Amino acid sequence: AGSGGCNRWFAGYDLTGEGLTIGQAGSTMMACPEAIMAQEQRFFAALGQVTGFDIDETGALLLRGPEAVLITARVATDGSAP
């Protein structure tokens, strides 16, 4: 679960070793500026393509797809939400 930039989202997942799949995401339905909504839809689409994960040397979570890193998640250092 988390924030997609505009809406809160949630999804089930299956974790096996370094394999990770994320189920169909559900979300709230708040209206936001068009550019943010488009970014959020790309994020949700990327979640559905995740096949694994890594943690890099900085501690960032890397969600991998079949051929490349799809999403990089870092903890905000200023106390705000990532």
Protein backbone atom coordinates (compact mmCIF):
# COMPACT_ATOMS: atom_id res chain seq x y z
CA ALA A 1 0.00 0.00 0.00
CA GLY A 2 1.11 3.58 -0.50
CA SER A 3 0.57 6.78 -2.40
CA GLY A 4 0.67 6.94 -6.20
CA GLY A 5 1.17 10.70 -6.14
CA CYS A 6 -2.51 11.55 -5.98
CA ASN A 7 -4.42 8.51 -4.75
CA ARG A 8 -3.76 5.94 -2.05
CA TRP A 9 -3.33 2.43 -3.45
CA PHE A 10 -3.23 -1.15 -2.19
CA ALA A 11 -2.45 -4.52 -3.73
CA GLY A 12 -1.66 -8.07 -2.78
CA TYR A 13 1.74 -9.56 -3.52
CA ASP A 14 3.60 -12.84 -3.74
CA LEU A 15 7.17 -12.92 -2.42
CA THR A 16 9.44 -15.91 -3.09
CA GLY A 17 13.14 -15.39 -2.40
CA GLU A 18 14.07 -12.50 -4.67
CA GLY A 19 10.97 -13.02 -6.82
CA LEU A 20 8.11 -10.58 -6.31
CA THR A 21 4.83 -10.17 -8.12
CA ILE A 22 2.26 -7.52 -7.28
CA GLY A 23 -1.43 -8.16 -7.86
CA GLN A 24 -3.96 -5.80 -9.42
CA ALA A 25 -3.81 -2.50 -7.56
CA GLY A 26 -6.90 -0.83 -6.19
CA SER A 27 -6.95 2.86 -5.34
CA THR A 28 -8.98 5.78 -4.16
CA MET A 29 -10.54 7.86 -6.94
CA MET A 30 -9.49 11.44 -6.19
CA ALA A 31 -9.20 13.88 -9.09
CA CYS A 32 -5.80 15.50 -9.54
CA PRO A 33 -4.09 17.53 -12.26
CA GLU A 34 -3.93 15.63 -15.56
CA ALA A 35 -0.12 15.29 -15.55
CA ILE A 36 -0.12 13.72 -12.08
CA MET A 37 -2.95 11.36 -13.02
CA ALA A 38 -0.99 10.23 -16.11
CA GLN A 39 2.13 9.66 -14.00
CA GLU A 40 0.10 7.68 -11.48
CA GLN A 41 -1.37 5.46 -14.21
CA ARG A 42 2.17 4.70 -15.47
CA PHE A 43 3.13 3.83 -11.89
CA PHE A 44 0.18 1.44 -11.50
CA ALA A 45 1.00 -0.18 -14.87
CA ALA A 46 4.64 -0.65 -13.78
CA LEU A 47 3.54 -2.32 -10.53
CA GLY A 48 1.80 -5.00 -12.59
CA GLN A 49 5.05 -5.77 -14.43
CA VAL A 50 7.23 -6.31 -11.34
CA THR A 51 8.98 -9.70 -11.22
CA GLY A 52 11.60 -9.14 -8.52
CA PHE A 53 13.40 -6.68 -6.31
CA ASP A 54 16.82 -5.59 -5.09
CA ILE A 55 18.11 -3.14 -2.50
CA ASP A 56 20.90 -0.90 -3.80
CA GLU A 57 23.94 0.43 -1.91
CA THR A 58 21.99 3.54 -0.81
CA GLY A 59 19.15 1.45 0.65
CA ALA A 60 16.71 2.23 -2.18
CA LEU A 61 14.19 -0.46 -3.10
CA LEU A 62 14.47 -1.38 -6.79
CA LEU A 63 11.42 -3.09 -8.26
CA ARG A 64 12.56 -5.03 -11.33
CA GLY A 65 10.64 -6.12 -14.38
CA PRO A 66 11.72 -8.79 -16.86
CA GLU A 67 14.40 -6.58 -18.42
CA ALA A 68 15.03 -3.50 -16.27
CA VAL A 69 14.34 -1.66 -13.03
CA LEU A 70 10.80 -0.28 -13.25
CA ILE A 71 10.49 1.63 -9.97
CA THR A 72 13.06 3.00 -7.53
CA ALA A 73 11.71 3.80 -4.06
CA ARG A 74 13.66 5.82 -1.54
CA VAL A 75 12.79 7.01 1.95
CA ALA A 76 12.48 10.80 2.04
CA THR A 77 15.18 12.35 4.21
CA ASP A 78 13.23 15.54 4.94
CA GLY A 79 10.41 13.79 6.81
CA SER A 80 7.92 14.05 3.93
CA ALA A 81 6.29 11.09 2.22
CA PRO A 82 8.27 9.69 -0.74
